[in-house]
Amino acid sequence: MAVQQNKKSPSKRGMHRAHDFLETPPLTVEPITGETHRRHHISPTGFYRGKAVLKDKDA
């Protein structure tokens, strides 16, 4: 079983938990399609940062 070597200070503990209190996820707009999607995720049509990362099923 893992045992911590040093105690984590209250400041570091707070920094670790900082993302837990975000109300809405940060969004971005895809430059090619204009769709809104979560940051660091692909858009619903399969684009990420202006490039198609998923192939269409029909093609």
PDB file of N, CA and C in Angstrom:
ATOM      1  N   MET A   1       0.838  -1.181   0.000  1.00  0.00           N
ATOM      2  CA  MET A   1       0.000   0.000   0.000  1.00  0.00           C
ATOM      3  C   MET A   1       0.879   1.239   0.000  1.00  0.00           C
ATOM      4  N   ALA A   2       0.461   2.267  -0.737  1.00  0.00           N
ATOM      5  CA  ALA A   2       1.247   3.497  -0.828  1.00  0.00           C
ATOM      6  C   ALA A   2       1.085   4.321   0.438  1.00  0.00           C
ATOM      7  N   VAL A   3       2.192   4.852   0.927  1.00  0.00           N
ATOM      8  CA  VAL A   3       2.196   5.703   2.113  1.00  0.00           C
ATOM      9  C   VAL A   3       2.894   6.996   1.737  1.00  0.00           C
ATOM     10  N   GLN A   4       2.241   8.122   2.050  1.00  0.00           N
ATOM     11  CA  GLN A   4       2.849   9.400   1.686  1.00  0.00           C
ATOM     12  C   GLN A   4       4.136   9.623   2.454  1.00  0.00           C
ATOM     13  N   GLN A   5       5.107  10.234   1.787  1.00  0.00           N
ATOM     14  CA  GLN A   5       6.391  10.468   2.430  1.00  0.00           C
ATOM     15  C   GLN A   5       6.393  11.788   3.202  1.00  0.00           C
ATOM     16  N   ASN A   6       5.755  12.814   2.630  1.00  0.00           N
ATOM     17  CA  ASN A   6       5.700  14.117   3.290  1.00  0.00           C
ATOM     18  C   ASN A   6       4.254  14.590   3.341  1.00  0.00           C
ATOM     19  N   LYS A   7       3.932  15.385   4.372  1.00  0.00           N
ATOM     20  CA  LYS A   7       2.591  15.917   4.516  1.00  0.00           C
ATOM     21  C   LYS A   7       2.344  16.987   3.452  1.00  0.00           C
ATOM     22  N   LYS A   8       1.162  16.952   2.841  1.00  0.00           N
ATOM     23  CA  LYS A   8       0.794  17.974   1.865  1.00  0.00           C
ATOM     24  C   LYS A   8       0.235  19.175   2.612  1.00  0.00           C
ATOM     25  N   SER A   9       0.799  20.347   2.351  1.00  0.00           N
ATOM     26  CA  SER A   9       0.385  21.558   3.059  1.00  0.00           C
ATOM     27  C   SER A   9      -1.023  21.973   2.629  1.00  0.00           C
ATOM     28  N   PRO A  10      -1.714  22.772   3.455  1.00  0.00           N
ATOM     29  CA  PRO A  10      -3.060  23.223   3.076  1.00  0.00           C
ATOM     30  C   PRO A  10      -3.072  23.988   1.749  1.00  0.00           C
ATOM     31  N   SER A  11      -2.016  24.731   1.460  1.00  0.00           N
ATOM     32  CA  SER A  11      -1.942  25.471   0.211  1.00  0.00           C
ATOM     33  C   SER A  11      -1.900  24.520  -0.980  1.00  0.00           C
ATOM     34  N   LYS A  12      -1.039  23.513  -0.911  1.00  0.00           N
ATOM     35  CA  LYS A  12      -0.933  22.542  -2.003  1.00  0.00           C
ATOM     36  C   LYS A  12      -2.219  21.731  -2.129  1.00  0.00           C
ATOM     37  N   ARG A  13      -2.849  21.414  -1.004  1.00  0.00           N
ATOM     38  CA  ARG A  13      -4.106  20.668  -1.037  1.00  0.00           C
ATOM     39  C   ARG A  13      -5.182  21.483  -1.752  1.00  0.00           C
ATOM     40  N   GLY A  14      -5.206  22.792  -1.476  1.00  0.00           N
ATOM     41  CA  GLY A  14      -6.169  23.667  -2.137  1.00  0.00           C
ATOM     42  C   GLY A  14      -5.914  23.755  -3.627  1.00  0.00           C
ATOM     43  N   MET A  15      -4.637  23.806  -4.023  1.00  0.00           N
ATOM     44  CA  MET A  15      -4.302  23.861  -5.447  1.00  0.00           C
ATOM     45  C   MET A  15      -4.723  22.573  -6.146  1.00  0.00           C
ATOM     46  N   HIS A  16      -4.598  21.459  -5.452  1.00  0.00           N
ATOM     47  CA  HIS A  16      -4.967  20.160  -6.016  1.00  0.00           C
ATOM     48  C   HIS A  16      -6.469  20.089  -6.266  1.00  0.00           C
ATOM     49  N   ARG A  17      -7.239  20.741  -5.409  1.00  0.00           N
ATOM     50  CA  ARG A  17      -8.694  20.694  -5.508  1.00  0.00           C
ATOM     51  C   ARG A  17      -9.277  21.847  -6.307  1.00  0.00           C
ATOM     52  N   ALA A  18      -8.459  22.678  -6.896  1.00  0.00           N
ATOM     53  CA  ALA A  18      -8.932  23.901  -7.543  1.00  0.00           C
ATOM     54  C   ALA A  18      -9.936  23.623  -8.653  1.00  0.00           C
ATOM     55  N   HIS A  19      -9.756  22.555  -9.414  1.00  0.00           N
ATOM     56  CA  HIS A  19     -10.638  22.281 -10.541  1.00  0.00           C
ATOM     57  C   HIS A  19     -12.000  21.737 -10.116  1.00  0.00           C
ATOM     58  N   ASP A  20     -12.167  21.346  -8.858  1.00  0.00           N
ATOM     59  CA  ASP A  20     -13.426  20.768  -8.407  1.00  0.00           C
ATOM     60  C   ASP A  20     -14.547  21.798  -8.321  1.00  0.00           C
ATOM     61  N   PHE A  21     -14.216  23.073  -8.253  1.00  0.00           N
ATOM     62  CA  PHE A  21     -15.221  24.090  -7.992  1.00  0.00           C
ATOM     63  C   PHE A  21     -15.540  24.931  -9.223  1.00  0.00           C
ATOM     64  N   LEU A  22     -15.144  24.495 -10.414  1.00  0.00           N
ATOM     65  CA  LEU A  22     -15.497  25.208 -11.632  1.00  0.00           C
ATOM     66  C   LEU A  22     -16.974  24.968 -11.932  1.00  0.00           C
ATOM     67  N   GLU A  23     -17.719  26.042 -12.189  1.00  0.00           N
ATOM     68  CA  GLU A  23     -19.149  25.899 -12.434  1.00  0.00           C
ATOM     69  C   GLU A  23     -19.403  25.317 -13.830  1.00  0.00           C
ATOM     70  N   THR A  24     -18.855  25.943 -14.856  1.00  0.00           N
ATOM     71  CA  THR A  24     -19.087  25.487 -16.224  1.00  0.00           C
ATOM     72  C   THR A  24     -17.752  25.108 -16.850  1.00  0.00           C
ATOM     73  N   PRO A  25     -17.727  24.074 -17.669  1.00  0.00           N
ATOM     74  CA  PRO A  25     -16.462  23.694 -18.308  1.00  0.00           C
ATOM     75  C   PRO A  25     -16.056  24.750 -19.327  1.00  0.00           C
ATOM     76  N   PRO A  26     -14.752  25.001 -19.477  1.00  0.00           N
ATOM     77  CA  PRO A  26     -14.318  25.981 -20.470  1.00  0.00           C
ATOM     78  C   PRO A  26     -14.612  25.476 -21.882  1.00  0.00           C
ATOM     79  N   LEU A  27     -15.158  26.355 -22.707  1.00  0.00           N
ATOM     80  CA  LEU A  27     -15.546  25.988 -24.063  1.00  0.00           C
ATOM     81  C   LEU A  27     -14.699  26.739 -25.074  1.00  0.00           C
ATOM     82  N   THR A  28     -14.618  26.206 -26.268  1.00  0.00           N
ATOM     83  CA  THR A  28     -13.920  26.857 -27.366  1.00  0.00           C
ATOM     84  C   THR A  28     -14.725  26.669 -28.635  1.00  0.00           C
ATOM     85  N   VAL A  29     -14.452  27.512 -29.636  1.00  0.00           N
ATOM     86  CA  VAL A  29     -15.157  27.437 -30.916  1.00  0.00           C
ATOM     87  C   VAL A  29     -14.193  26.871 -31.948  1.00  0.00           C
ATOM     88  N   GLU A  30     -14.637  25.840 -32.652  1.00  0.00           N
ATOM     89  CA  GLU A  30     -13.818  25.223 -33.698  1.00  0.00           C
ATOM     90  C   GLU A  30     -13.702  26.188 -34.874  1.00  0.00           C
ATOM     91  N   PRO A  31     -12.468  26.518 -35.309  1.00  0.00           N
ATOM     92  CA  PRO A  31     -12.318  27.529 -36.362  1.00  0.00           C
ATOM     93  C   PRO A  31     -12.874  27.100 -37.718  1.00  0.00           C
ATOM     94  N   ILE A  32     -12.882  25.828 -38.042  1.00  0.00           N
ATOM     95  CA  ILE A  32     -13.349  25.369 -39.353  1.00  0.00           C
ATOM     96  C   ILE A  32     -14.868  25.276 -39.401  1.00  0.00           C
ATOM     97  N   THR A  33     -15.464  24.599 -38.432  1.00  0.00           N
ATOM     98  CA  THR A  33     -16.904  24.345 -38.469  1.00  0.00           C
ATOM     99  C   THR A  33     -17.712  25.356 -37.670  1.00  0.00           C
ATOM    100  N   GLY A  34     -17.094  26.078 -36.759  1.00  0.00           N
ATOM    101  CA  GLY A  34     -17.812  27.049 -35.936  1.00  0.00           C
ATOM    102  C   GLY A  34     -18.559  26.425 -34.779  1.00  0.00           C
ATOM    103  N   GLU A  35     -18.333  25.138 -34.513  1.00  0.00           N
ATOM    104  CA  GLU A  35     -19.028  24.450 -33.419  1.00  0.00           C
ATOM    105  C   GLU A  35     -18.364  24.758 -32.080  1.00  0.00           C
ATOM    106  N   THR A  36     -19.157  24.734 -31.036  1.00  0.00           N
ATOM    107  CA  THR A  36     -18.647  24.922 -29.683  1.00  0.00           C
ATOM    108  C   THR A  36     -18.417  23.554 -29.066  1.00  0.00           C
ATOM    109  N   HIS A  37     -17.251  23.375 -28.431  1.00  0.00           N
ATOM    110  CA  HIS A  37     -16.953  22.111 -27.762  1.00  0.00           C
ATOM    111  C   HIS A  37     -16.060  22.379 -26.570  1.00  0.00           C
ATOM    112  N   ARG A  38     -15.912  21.362 -25.707  1.00  0.00           N
ATOM    113  CA  ARG A  38     -15.061  21.496 -24.529  1.00  0.00           C
ATOM    114  C   ARG A  38     -13.606  21.617 -24.943  1.00  0.00           C
ATOM    115  N   ARG A  39     -12.834  22.346 -24.152  1.00  0.00           N
ATOM    116  CA  ARG A  39     -11.418  22.515 -24.451  1.00  0.00           C
ATOM    117  C   ARG A  39     -10.719  21.162 -24.398  1.00  0.00           C
ATOM    118  N   HIS A  40      -9.761  20.937 -25.267  1.00  0.00           N
ATOM    119  CA  HIS A  40      -8.956  19.718 -25.337  1.00  0.00           C
ATOM    120  C   HIS A  40      -9.779  18.479 -25.667  1.00  0.00           C
ATOM    121  N   HIS A  41     -10.945  18.660 -26.291  1.00  0.00           N
ATOM    122  CA  HIS A  41     -11.781  17.560 -26.750  1.00  0.00           C
ATOM    123  C   HIS A  41     -12.132  17.823 -28.212  1.00  0.00           C
ATOM    124  N   ILE A  42     -12.476  16.785 -28.946  1.00  0.00           N
ATOM    125  CA  ILE A  42     -12.844  16.977 -30.346  1.00  0.00           C
ATOM    126  C   ILE A  42     -14.268  17.501 -30.432  1.00  0.00           C
ATOM    127  N   SER A  43     -14.590  18.145 -31.554  1.00  0.00           N
ATOM    128  CA  SER A  43     -15.943  18.651 -31.774  1.00  0.00           C
ATOM    129  C   SER A  43     -16.857  17.482 -32.160  1.00  0.00           C
ATOM    130  N   PRO A  44     -18.167  17.687 -32.132  1.00  0.00           N
ATOM    131  CA  PRO A  44     -19.079  16.592 -32.480  1.00  0.00           C
ATOM    132  C   PRO A  44     -18.882  16.033 -33.885  1.00  0.00           C
ATOM    133  N   THR A  45     -18.355  16.836 -34.813  1.00  0.00           N
ATOM    134  CA  THR A  45     -18.140  16.345 -36.171  1.00  0.00           C
ATOM    135  C   THR A  45     -16.755  15.751 -36.368  1.00  0.00           C
ATOM    136  N   GLY A  46     -15.915  15.729 -35.324  1.00  0.00           N
ATOM    137  CA  GLY A  46     -14.621  15.068 -35.406  1.00  0.00           C
ATOM    138  C   GLY A  46     -13.453  15.963 -35.739  1.00  0.00           C
ATOM    139  N   PHE A  47     -13.574  17.278 -35.507  1.00  0.00           N
ATOM    140  CA  PHE A  47     -12.477  18.202 -35.756  1.00  0.00           C
ATOM    141  C   PHE A  47     -11.807  18.593 -34.454  1.00  0.00           C
ATOM    142  N   TYR A  48     -10.491  18.823 -34.499  1.00  0.00           N
ATOM    143  CA  TYR A  48      -9.748  19.317 -33.349  1.00  0.00           C
ATOM    144  C   TYR A  48      -8.682  20.284 -33.854  1.00  0.00           C
ATOM    145  N   ARG A  49      -8.739  21.513 -33.399  1.00  0.00           N
ATOM    146  CA  ARG A  49      -7.796  22.569 -33.770  1.00  0.00           C
ATOM    147  C   ARG A  49      -7.680  22.723 -35.287  1.00  0.00           C
ATOM    148  N   GLY A  50      -8.823  22.679 -35.973  1.00  0.00           N
ATOM    149  CA  GLY A  50      -8.853  22.923 -37.400  1.00  0.00           C
ATOM    150  C   GLY A  50      -8.527  21.733 -38.279  1.00  0.00           C
ATOM    151  N   LYS A  51      -8.307  20.565 -37.695  1.00  0.00           N
ATOM    152  CA  LYS A  51      -7.976  19.381 -38.485  1.00  0.00           C
ATOM    153  C   LYS A  51      -8.985  18.273 -38.199  1.00  0.00           C
ATOM    154  N   ALA A  52      -9.322  17.501 -39.225  1.00  0.00           N
ATOM    155  CA  ALA A  52     -10.227  16.377 -39.054  1.00  0.00           C
ATOM    156  C   ALA A  52      -9.448  15.225 -38.428  1.00  0.00           C
ATOM    157  N   VAL A  53      -9.865  14.788 -37.243  1.00  0.00           N
ATOM    158  CA  VAL A  53      -9.154  13.700 -36.554  1.00  0.00           C
ATOM    159  C   VAL A  53      -9.943  12.396 -36.604  1.00  0.00           C
ATOM    160  N   LEU A  54     -11.204  12.465 -36.995  1.00  0.00           N
ATOM    161  CA  LEU A  54     -12.022  11.271 -37.186  1.00  0.00           C
ATOM    162  C   LEU A  54     -12.472  11.220 -38.630  1.00  0.00           C
ATOM    163  N   LYS A  55     -12.431  10.032 -39.221  1.00  0.00           N
ATOM    164  CA  LYS A  55     -12.885   9.864 -40.596  1.00  0.00           C
ATOM    165  C   LYS A  55     -14.388   9.662 -40.612  1.00  0.00           C
ATOM    166  N   ASP A  56     -15.022  10.123 -41.685  1.00  0.00           N
ATOM    167  CA  ASP A  56     -16.467   9.917 -41.847  1.00  0.00           C
ATOM    168  C   ASP A  56     -16.751   8.438 -42.088  1.00  0.00           C
ATOM    169  N   LYS A  57     -17.911   7.980 -41.650  1.00  0.00           N
ATOM    170  CA  LYS A  57     -18.279   6.580 -41.865  1.00  0.00           C
ATOM    171  C   LYS A  57     -18.617   6.317 -43.332  1.00  0.00           C
ATOM    172  N   ASP A  58     -19.156   7.345 -44.065  1.00  0.00           N
ATOM    173  CA  ASP A  58     -19.524   7.128 -45.468  1.00  0.00           C
ATOM    174  C   ASP A  58     -18.307   7.086 -46.384  1.00  0.00           C
ATOM    175  N   ALA A  59     -17.230   7.751 -45.994  1.00  0.00           N
ATOM    176  CA  ALA A  59     -16.055   7.809 -46.886  1.00  0.00           C
ATOM    177  C   ALA A  59     -15.166   6.592 -46.758  1.00  0.00           C
TER     178      ALA A  59
END
